[in-house]
Amino acid sequence: MFTRPSPGPRDRFPLSYPQTLWCSGEQAGSFGPRFVVAKAVRVTGTLDGAALQAALDDVVARHEQLRTVLVRDADPPYLQVHPPSRVPLVVRELPTEPGPDRDRLAEQLLTEAESSSLDVHELPLLRAVLARFDDRDSVLSLVTHHTACDGWSVQLILRDLAACYAARTTGQPPELPPVRQYREYAVWQQEFFTGPRAVEAYAYWHKQLRGAHIFTLPTDRPIPPTHSIPYQAYDFRLDADLVSAAAGLAESIRCSTFMVMLTAFNVLAHRIRGTTDLTINTVIHGRGQRQFENTVGPFLNFLALRTCIDSGESFRDIVRRTRSTCLGAYSHEVPIQHVEQQIPELMQPLHDPRNCDFIFGFSQSPFDGDSIRLSEQSAEVYKTETVSAEIPGGAAWTMAVLRTGELIGTVQFNPEEFDRQTVADWVSEYCRLLATAVHEPDREWKRL
């Protein structure tokens, strides 16, 4: 269905900066078979297996990154795009009676997908499992490798798959916007961040982070040189009313819900560390260039967001400070490894084995529910408990708003560094802080 010519397999393209970071010695484990991104949707209505297979293949033809190999043993490493190939699709029959058992099994299917493995050299970098409860109730799970994809990209894949499936079943061309390829983004990055327009951005970060130290979590035990047990996940939820109140406060201050959530974490970080000069390492979707909004690939970047909070200020005041910090960072985004190289004192706290590297993340789906409709109705599968995936190291605090309006949060940590109760106490304190802050934003932040 997509006939746009692909580069030949001998063509070489530069790496993006996220991929360059992964190729560094410290991040080489990112190419392991467990570094995957998974999604699952519950489908109501009949599904044509042949049309689904063809639609999956259409998605791979449309998005080159799903059939691209990152050649790491060359100097320098490069991207190599291959021709489209058939997506492995496994169909399973699940003879289960209607009822809550099906819901639990749908969660288990997503857990299986998140726990699966995918070799980065086996193209295409997309796998699918269609599990049928009956002819009108099924679960479709998708798995791709993180070096080829990120959370935004998986939503793109689901959207494009729904459009291609509709085209295959109706005989009409898919209604999809034009797409730029990830290799084009890598070239754009190389040109921009080595050109004159990047000078202002680097000057901004030198001024913004002068004298700053990255926020770290104090561990219960020194961090071992290597971990012998796997990471764990501590899950929590915020109800839709609290999330709506946070969004309402954000709207009144002309900022995003993320900025309110980050402000609440800044208050928690003060209580953990006692400092009012806070530099939180945050993960962002990295899609500031509109021409690449529909591109599948790993765009994630990290921003060190520095906010100073003073005594006597209200929570609303420090939300405004956080907003100013975020807007400045967004308009001067550069690869995090460049910031670390030019401001080495920023990461100095990580030299202490009692300080754990930390990432704060927040996400909302860029698409509405209708964009992933495969049959009569499709709904994304969410789990009541998270199985922790492999992460390169440190601790990660991530939150995502569901289409129901609720928010699910997960703190990934290693038990060799933290007691589970320590993490639980931090989460409990954060939830109390946020609930008070969004309903009494003019209260002094220290009295929340």
Protein backbone atom coordinates (compact mmCIF):
# COMPACT_ATOMS: atom_id res chain seq x y z
CA MET A 1 0.00 0.00 0.00
CA PHE A 2 2.93 2.33 0.71
CA THR A 3 5.22 2.44 -2.32
CA ARG A 4 7.63 5.20 -1.33
CA PRO A 5 11.10 3.92 -2.31
CA SER A 6 13.44 3.04 0.54
CA PRO A 7 17.18 3.59 0.62
CA GLY A 8 19.31 0.62 -0.31
CA PRO A 9 20.66 -1.57 2.53
CA ARG A 10 24.18 -0.26 1.83
CA ASP A 11 23.23 3.35 2.48
CA ARG A 12 24.56 4.78 5.74
CA PHE A 13 22.84 7.44 7.81
CA PRO A 14 24.03 9.23 10.96
CA LEU A 15 22.76 8.37 14.41
CA SER A 16 20.48 10.67 16.37
CA TYR A 17 21.74 12.00 19.69
CA PRO A 18 19.57 9.60 21.75
CA GLN A 19 21.11 6.71 19.80
CA THR A 20 24.60 8.13 20.26
CA LEU A 21 23.97 8.23 24.01
CA TRP A 22 22.86 4.60 23.97
CA CYS A 23 26.04 3.62 22.13
CA SER A 24 28.22 5.04 24.90
CA GLY A 25 29.91 2.58 27.21
CA GLU A 26 27.57 3.29 30.14
CA GLN A 27 24.41 2.81 28.09
CA ALA A 28 25.39 -0.16 25.91
CA GLY A 29 22.89 -2.36 27.77
CA SER A 30 20.12 -0.42 26.05
CA PHE A 31 20.54 -2.74 23.06
CA GLY A 32 19.61 -5.80 25.13
CA PRO A 33 16.59 -7.92 24.12
CA ARG A 34 14.50 -6.80 27.15
CA PHE A 35 14.66 -3.06 26.40
CA VAL A 36 11.22 -3.06 24.79
CA VAL A 37 8.10 -0.89 24.53
CA ALA A 38 4.74 -2.64 24.61
CA LYS A 39 1.08 -1.72 24.24
CA ALA A 40 -2.15 -3.72 24.17
CA VAL A 41 -5.68 -2.85 23.05
CA ARG A 42 -8.93 -4.65 23.83
CA VAL A 43 -10.92 -4.95 20.60
CA THR A 44 -14.70 -5.36 20.49
CA GLY A 45 -16.04 -6.64 17.19
CA THR A 46 -14.79 -8.98 14.50
CA LEU A 47 -11.21 -8.78 13.27
CA ASP A 48 -10.06 -9.99 9.84
CA GLY A 49 -6.74 -11.78 10.46
CA ALA A 50 -5.48 -11.39 6.89
CA ALA A 51 -6.31 -7.67 6.83
CA LEU A 52 -4.61 -7.23 10.20
CA GLN A 53 -1.44 -8.90 8.92
CA ALA A 54 -1.45 -6.72 5.81
CA ALA A 55 -2.01 -3.59 7.91
CA LEU A 56 0.91 -4.45 10.20
CA ASP A 57 3.09 -4.84 7.12
CA ASP A 58 1.82 -1.49 5.83
CA VAL A 59 2.95 0.18 9.05
CA VAL A 60 6.45 -1.24 8.66
CA ALA A 61 6.54 -0.03 5.05
CA ARG A 62 5.43 3.45 6.17
CA HIS A 63 7.94 3.80 9.04
CA GLU A 64 11.56 3.05 8.12
CA GLN A 65 12.79 3.00 11.71
CA LEU A 66 10.95 -0.29 12.28
CA ARG A 67 13.24 -1.86 9.68
CA THR A 68 16.47 -0.08 10.51
CA VAL A 69 19.57 -1.63 12.05
CA LEU A 70 21.93 0.43 14.15
CA VAL A 71 25.42 -0.77 13.18
CA ARG A 72 27.46 -0.25 16.36
CA ASP A 73 30.72 -2.01 15.45
CA ALA A 74 31.61 0.60 12.79
CA ASP A 75 33.56 3.81 13.34
CA PRO A 76 31.45 5.86 13.46
CA PRO A 77 28.27 3.82 14.06
CA TYR A 78 25.50 4.36 11.54
CA LEU A 79 21.88 3.56 10.66
CA GLN A 80 21.13 1.11 7.87
CA VAL A 81 17.59 0.97 6.45
CA HIS A 82 16.33 -2.36 5.06
CA PRO A 83 13.40 -3.19 2.76
CA PRO A 84 9.98 -3.91 4.29
CA SER A 85 9.37 -7.43 5.61
CA ARG A 86 6.52 -9.37 7.16
CA VAL A 87 5.61 -8.64 10.79
CA PRO A 88 5.49 -11.79 12.98
CA LEU A 89 1.83 -12.11 14.06
CA VAL A 90 0.86 -14.87 16.49
CA VAL A 91 -2.84 -15.74 16.86
CA ARG A 92 -3.93 -17.38 20.10
CA GLU A 93 -7.32 -18.75 21.11
CA LEU A 94 -8.37 -18.11 24.71
CA PRO A 95 -11.45 -20.15 25.67
CA THR A 96 -12.52 -18.06 28.66
CA GLU A 97 -16.03 -17.43 29.93
CA PRO A 98 -17.20 -13.78 29.84
CA GLY A 99 -16.61 -11.84 33.04
CA PRO A 100 -13.82 -10.36 35.17
CA ASP A 101 -11.49 -13.25 34.34
CA ARG A 102 -11.17 -11.81 30.85
CA ASP A 103 -10.11 -8.44 32.21
CA ARG A 104 -7.43 -10.05 34.38
CA LEU A 105 -6.22 -12.12 31.43
CA ALA A 106 -6.03 -8.99 29.26
CA GLU A 107 -3.72 -7.45 31.88
CA GLN A 108 -1.64 -10.63 31.89
CA LEU A 109 -1.28 -10.45 28.11
CA LEU A 110 0.12 -6.91 28.43
CA THR A 111 2.48 -8.11 31.16
CA GLU A 112 3.66 -10.89 28.84
CA ALA A 113 4.30 -8.35 26.10
CA GLU A 114 6.27 -6.07 28.43
CA SER A 115 8.29 -9.04 29.67
CA SER A 116 9.06 -10.38 26.19
CA SER A 117 12.35 -10.04 24.34
CA LEU A 118 13.22 -8.70 20.90
CA ASP A 119 16.60 -8.97 19.19
CA VAL A 120 17.59 -5.59 17.71
CA HIS A 121 19.05 -7.37 14.66
CA GLU A 122 15.86 -9.29 13.76
CA LEU A 123 13.82 -7.08 11.46
CA PRO A 124 11.23 -5.77 11.47
CA LEU A 125 11.40 -4.39 15.01
CA LEU A 126 7.71 -5.00 15.58
CA ARG A 127 5.92 -8.08 16.93
CA ALA A 128 2.19 -8.68 17.38
CA VAL A 129 0.02 -11.17 19.25
CA LEU A 130 -3.74 -11.41 18.64
CA ALA A 131 -5.40 -13.27 21.51
CA ARG A 132 -9.08 -14.11 20.89
CA PHE A 133 -11.58 -14.74 23.67
CA ASP A 134 -14.25 -15.26 21.01
CA ASP A 135 -15.16 -13.88 17.59
CA ARG A 136 -16.06 -10.47 19.03
CA ASP A 137 -13.65 -10.02 21.93
CA SER A 138 -9.88 -10.03 21.56
CA VAL A 139 -6.65 -8.41 22.74
CA LEU A 140 -3.99 -7.18 20.34
CA SER A 141 -0.55 -6.61 21.88
CA LEU A 142 2.37 -4.94 20.10
CA VAL A 143 6.05 -5.04 21.05
CA THR A 144 8.89 -3.00 19.58
CA HIS A 145 12.44 -2.26 20.69
CA HIS A 146 13.17 0.97 22.54
CA THR A 147 16.06 1.80 20.19
CA ALA A 148 13.47 2.03 17.39
CA CYS A 149 10.54 3.46 19.26
CA ASP A 150 9.27 5.44 22.26
CA GLY A 151 5.91 5.85 23.98
CA TRP A 152 4.68 8.50 21.51
CA SER A 153 5.78 6.29 18.62
CA VAL A 154 3.74 3.33 19.88
CA GLN A 155 0.66 5.56 19.84
CA LEU A 156 1.54 6.50 16.25
CA ILE A 157 1.85 2.82 15.35
CA LEU A 158 -1.58 2.09 16.83
CA ARG A 159 -3.13 5.07 15.01
CA ASP A 160 -1.57 4.11 11.68
CA LEU A 161 -2.43 0.44 12.15
CA ALA A 162 -6.10 1.36 12.66
CA ALA A 163 -6.07 3.50 9.50
CA CYS A 164 -4.31 0.83 7.44
CA TYR A 165 -6.66 -1.88 8.73
CA ALA A 166 -9.67 0.22 7.75
CA ALA A 167 -8.12 0.72 4.30
CA ARG A 168 -7.49 -3.00 3.88
CA THR A 169 -11.06 -3.89 4.80
CA THR A 170 -12.73 -1.17 2.72
CA GLY A 171 -10.43 -0.95 -0.27
CA GLN A 172 -9.95 2.78 0.26
CA PRO A 173 -6.55 4.47 0.72
CA PRO A 174 -5.60 5.11 4.38
CA GLU A 175 -6.35 8.57 5.74
CA LEU A 176 -2.94 9.40 7.17
CA PRO A 177 -0.79 12.53 7.13
CA PRO A 178 2.54 12.56 5.26
CA VAL A 179 5.44 11.25 7.31
CA ARG A 180 9.10 12.22 7.59
CA GLN A 181 11.53 9.41 8.33
CA TYR A 182 13.66 9.12 11.45
CA ARG A 183 16.91 9.21 9.47
CA GLU A 184 15.86 12.68 8.30
CA TYR A 185 15.48 13.71 11.92
CA ALA A 186 18.97 12.39 12.73
CA VAL A 187 20.41 14.50 9.88
CA TRP A 188 18.45 17.56 11.08
CA GLN A 189 19.83 17.11 14.61
CA GLN A 190 23.41 16.86 13.42
CA GLU A 191 23.07 20.02 11.34
CA PHE A 192 21.25 22.05 14.00
CA PHE A 193 23.32 21.17 17.07
CA THR A 194 26.62 21.72 15.32
CA GLY A 195 25.51 24.94 13.61
CA PRO A 196 25.39 28.60 14.62
CA ARG A 197 21.76 28.44 15.83
CA ALA A 198 22.80 26.17 18.71
CA VAL A 199 25.21 28.73 20.19
CA GLU A 200 22.38 30.61 21.95
CA ALA A 201 21.00 27.36 23.37
CA TYR A 202 24.32 26.31 24.90
CA ALA A 203 24.82 29.81 26.34
CA TYR A 204 21.40 29.53 27.99
CA TRP A 205 22.31 26.27 29.74
CA HIS A 206 25.68 27.59 30.92
CA LYS A 207 23.89 30.51 32.60
CA GLN A 208 20.90 28.50 33.84
CA LEU A 209 22.90 25.69 35.45
CA ARG A 210 25.89 27.62 36.80
CA GLY A 211 26.56 26.19 40.27
CA ALA A 212 23.69 23.68 40.03
CA HIS A 213 23.80 20.04 41.13
CA ILE A 214 21.41 17.44 39.82
CA PHE A 215 18.82 16.15 42.30
CA THR A 216 19.49 12.61 43.50
CA LEU A 217 17.62 10.29 45.84
CA PRO A 218 19.41 9.35 49.09
CA THR A 219 19.69 5.56 49.16
CA ASP A 220 19.12 3.28 52.14
CA ARG A 221 22.32 1.43 51.25
CA PRO A 222 25.36 2.27 49.10
CA ILE A 223 24.82 1.51 45.42
CA PRO A 224 26.67 -1.72 44.51
CA PRO A 225 29.03 -1.77 41.50
CA THR A 226 26.68 -4.26 39.83
CA HIS A 227 23.15 -5.32 40.73
CA SER A 228 22.40 -8.95 41.48
CA ILE A 229 18.60 -8.67 41.74
CA PRO A 230 16.12 -7.10 39.31
CA TYR A 231 14.37 -3.76 39.62
CA GLN A 232 10.95 -3.47 41.23
CA ALA A 233 8.01 -1.20 40.54
CA TYR A 234 5.93 0.65 43.12
CA ASP A 235 2.57 1.65 41.62
CA PHE A 236 0.09 4.33 42.62
CA ARG A 237 -3.03 5.98 41.21
CA LEU A 238 -4.60 9.42 41.39
CA ASP A 239 -8.35 9.64 40.85
CA ALA A 240 -9.86 11.62 38.00
CA ASP A 241 -11.15 14.39 40.30
CA LEU A 242 -7.66 15.15 41.62
CA VAL A 243 -6.17 15.07 38.12
CA SER A 244 -8.95 17.37 36.91
CA ALA A 245 -8.25 19.78 39.79
CA ALA A 246 -4.55 19.81 38.87
CA ALA A 247 -5.44 20.50 35.24
CA GLY A 248 -7.78 23.31 36.34
CA LEU A 249 -5.05 24.95 38.40
CA ALA A 250 -2.68 24.62 35.44
CA GLU A 251 -5.20 26.31 33.15
CA SER A 252 -5.65 29.22 35.58
CA ILE A 253 -1.88 29.83 35.53
CA ARG A 254 -1.59 29.22 31.76
CA CYS A 255 0.70 26.23 32.16
CA SER A 256 0.55 22.48 31.62
CA THR A 257 -0.58 19.80 34.06
CA PHE A 258 2.99 18.50 33.98
CA MET A 259 4.22 21.79 35.44
CA VAL A 260 1.84 21.44 38.38
CA MET A 261 2.94 17.84 38.95
CA LEU A 262 6.61 18.84 38.77
CA THR A 263 6.02 21.70 41.23
CA ALA A 264 4.55 19.23 43.73
CA PHE A 265 7.61 17.06 43.26
CA ASN A 266 9.86 20.08 43.85
CA VAL A 267 8.20 20.47 47.25
CA LEU A 268 8.71 16.77 47.97
CA ALA A 269 12.33 17.04 46.83
CA HIS A 270 12.85 19.87 49.32
CA ARG A 271 11.50 17.64 52.09
CA ILE A 272 13.80 14.81 51.02
CA ARG A 273 16.98 16.87 50.62
CA GLY A 274 16.31 20.12 52.49
CA THR A 275 17.47 22.33 49.61
CA THR A 276 15.48 25.08 47.88
CA ASP A 277 17.70 25.06 44.78
CA LEU A 278 16.31 22.09 42.89
CA THR A 279 17.48 20.71 39.54
CA ILE A 280 15.29 17.78 38.51
CA ASN A 281 16.25 15.56 35.59
CA THR A 282 13.07 15.14 33.54
CA VAL A 283 12.28 13.07 30.47
CA ILE A 284 10.44 14.77 27.59
CA HIS A 285 8.99 13.50 24.31
CA GLY A 286 11.53 15.52 22.29
CA ARG A 287 9.16 16.40 19.45
CA GLY A 288 9.57 20.14 19.40
CA GLN A 289 9.89 20.09 15.59
CA ARG A 290 6.39 19.80 14.10
CA GLN A 291 7.63 18.21 10.87
CA PHE A 292 8.52 15.08 12.87
CA GLU A 293 5.31 14.75 14.92
CA ASN A 294 4.24 11.71 12.87
CA THR A 295 7.66 10.04 12.79
CA VAL A 296 8.30 6.73 14.54
CA GLY A 297 11.62 6.62 16.37
CA PRO A 298 13.33 7.24 19.72
CA PHE A 299 12.94 10.99 20.29
CA LEU A 300 13.18 11.03 24.08
CA ASN A 301 15.47 13.61 25.62
CA PHE A 302 16.25 14.73 29.15
CA LEU A 303 16.10 18.26 30.52
CA ALA A 304 17.68 19.39 33.79
CA LEU A 305 14.97 21.74 35.11
CA ARG A 306 16.28 24.12 37.79
CA THR A 307 13.82 25.93 40.02
CA CYS A 308 14.62 27.92 43.17
CA ILE A 309 11.76 28.09 45.67
CA ASP A 310 11.80 30.70 48.43
CA SER A 311 10.19 30.79 51.86
CA GLY A 312 6.93 32.70 52.06
CA GLU A 313 5.84 31.87 48.53
CA SER A 314 2.57 30.12 47.83
CA PHE A 315 2.25 26.93 45.81
CA ARG A 316 0.77 29.03 43.01
CA ASP A 317 3.90 31.22 43.09
CA ILE A 318 6.24 28.30 42.63
CA VAL A 319 4.07 26.84 39.87
CA ARG A 320 4.73 30.11 38.04
CA ARG A 321 8.45 29.72 38.73
CA THR A 322 8.36 26.15 37.43
CA ARG A 323 6.48 27.32 34.34
CA SER A 324 9.19 29.89 33.61
CA THR A 325 11.87 27.22 34.04
CA CYS A 326 10.11 24.81 31.69
CA LEU A 327 9.41 27.34 28.94
CA GLY A 328 13.03 28.47 28.95
CA ALA A 329 14.26 24.89 28.75
CA TYR A 330 11.85 23.91 25.97
CA SER A 331 12.93 26.82 23.79
CA HIS A 332 16.62 25.94 24.28
CA GLU A 333 16.49 22.14 24.13
CA VAL A 334 19.83 20.43 23.46
CA PRO A 335 20.98 16.81 23.90
CA ILE A 336 21.54 16.07 27.59
CA GLN A 337 24.99 14.56 26.97
CA HIS A 338 26.18 17.93 25.62
CA VAL A 339 24.99 19.66 28.79
CA GLU A 340 26.75 17.10 30.98
CA GLN A 341 29.97 17.44 29.00
CA GLN A 342 30.02 21.25 29.16
CA ILE A 343 28.85 21.50 32.80
CA PRO A 344 30.52 18.50 34.49
CA GLU A 345 29.85 19.76 38.03
CA LEU A 346 26.12 19.28 37.38
CA MET A 347 26.46 15.50 37.82
CA GLN A 348 28.92 15.67 40.73
CA PRO A 349 26.44 14.22 43.30
CA LEU A 350 26.48 10.91 41.39
CA HIS A 351 30.08 10.33 42.47
CA ASP A 352 28.73 9.48 45.95
CA PRO A 353 27.51 5.84 46.13
CA ARG A 354 24.74 6.94 48.50
CA ASN A 355 23.18 9.17 45.83
CA CYS A 356 20.93 7.54 43.23
CA ASP A 357 20.42 8.95 39.74
CA PHE A 358 16.80 9.97 39.22
CA ILE A 359 14.39 10.70 36.36
CA PHE A 360 10.94 12.34 36.60
CA GLY A 361 8.50 11.78 33.74
CA PHE A 362 4.89 12.66 32.90
CA SER A 363 2.90 11.81 29.77
CA GLN A 364 -0.50 12.20 28.18
CA SER A 365 -1.60 10.44 25.00
CA PRO A 366 -1.27 12.69 21.93
CA PHE A 367 -4.31 11.01 20.30
CA ASP A 368 -7.94 10.41 21.22
CA GLY A 369 -9.53 6.98 21.56
CA ASP A 370 -11.11 6.97 18.09
CA SER A 371 -7.68 7.12 16.46
CA ILE A 372 -6.88 3.53 17.57
CA ARG A 373 -10.26 1.97 16.68
CA LEU A 374 -9.67 -1.31 14.87
CA SER A 375 -13.22 -2.66 14.82
CA GLU A 376 -16.39 -1.48 16.55
CA GLN A 377 -14.45 -0.34 19.61
CA SER A 378 -10.85 -0.45 20.83
CA ALA A 379 -9.63 0.47 24.30
CA GLU A 380 -6.07 0.52 25.56
CA VAL A 381 -5.32 -2.09 28.21
CA TYR A 382 -3.97 -0.83 31.53
CA LYS A 383 -2.75 -2.86 34.47
CA THR A 384 -3.42 -2.61 38.17
CA GLU A 385 0.20 -3.56 38.83
CA THR A 386 3.34 -2.85 36.82
CA VAL A 387 6.12 -5.30 36.12
CA SER A 388 9.35 -3.31 36.08
CA ALA A 389 11.15 -3.34 32.75
CA GLU A 390 14.90 -3.10 32.35
CA ILE A 391 16.24 0.42 32.81
CA PRO A 392 19.88 1.46 32.45
CA GLY A 393 20.20 2.43 36.13
CA GLY A 394 19.08 4.82 38.84
CA ALA A 395 15.43 5.31 39.76
CA ALA A 396 12.55 6.48 37.57
CA TRP A 397 9.33 8.20 38.66
CA THR A 398 6.83 8.21 35.80
CA MET A 399 3.17 9.21 35.59
CA ALA A 400 0.66 8.91 32.76
CA VAL A 401 -2.88 10.26 32.40
CA LEU A 402 -5.36 7.66 31.17
CA ARG A 403 -8.27 8.36 28.85
CA THR A 404 -10.55 7.77 31.87
CA GLY A 405 -9.04 10.88 33.46
CA GLU A 406 -7.22 8.88 36.14
CA LEU A 407 -3.46 8.95 36.51
CA ILE A 408 -1.24 5.92 36.99
CA GLY A 409 2.21 6.35 38.49
CA THR A 410 5.18 4.02 38.82
CA VAL A 411 8.44 4.35 40.70
CA GLN A 412 11.08 1.93 39.43
CA PHE A 413 13.89 1.23 41.89
CA ASN A 414 16.38 -1.42 42.84
CA PRO A 415 15.85 -3.13 46.24
CA GLU A 416 19.61 -3.27 46.74
CA GLU A 417 19.47 0.54 47.03
CA PHE A 418 16.07 1.27 48.58
CA ASP A 419 13.66 -0.34 51.00
CA ARG A 420 10.20 -0.60 49.46
CA GLN A 421 8.78 1.29 52.46
CA THR A 422 11.06 4.25 51.70
CA VAL A 423 9.59 4.53 48.21
CA ALA A 424 6.05 4.05 49.56
CA ASP A 425 6.56 6.89 52.05
CA TRP A 426 7.75 9.26 49.30
CA VAL A 427 4.78 8.41 47.10
CA SER A 428 2.31 8.82 49.98
CA GLU A 429 3.80 12.21 50.86
CA TYR A 430 3.65 13.33 47.21
CA CYS A 431 -0.01 12.38 46.87
CA ARG A 432 -0.92 14.27 50.07
CA LEU A 433 1.06 17.32 48.95
CA LEU A 434 -0.60 17.39 45.56
CA ALA A 435 -4.12 16.94 46.93
CA THR A 436 -3.66 19.85 49.34
CA ALA A 437 -1.84 22.07 46.85
CA VAL A 438 -4.36 21.93 44.01
CA HIS A 439 -7.26 22.74 46.36
CA GLU A 440 -5.38 25.38 48.38
CA PRO A 441 -2.84 26.77 45.88
CA ASP A 442 -2.46 30.07 47.75
CA ARG A 443 -1.21 28.39 50.91
CA GLU A 444 2.51 28.81 51.62
CA TRP A 445 4.27 25.81 50.09
CA LYS A 446 6.12 24.95 53.31
CA ARG A 447 2.78 24.60 55.10
CA LEU A 448 1.22 22.19 52.63
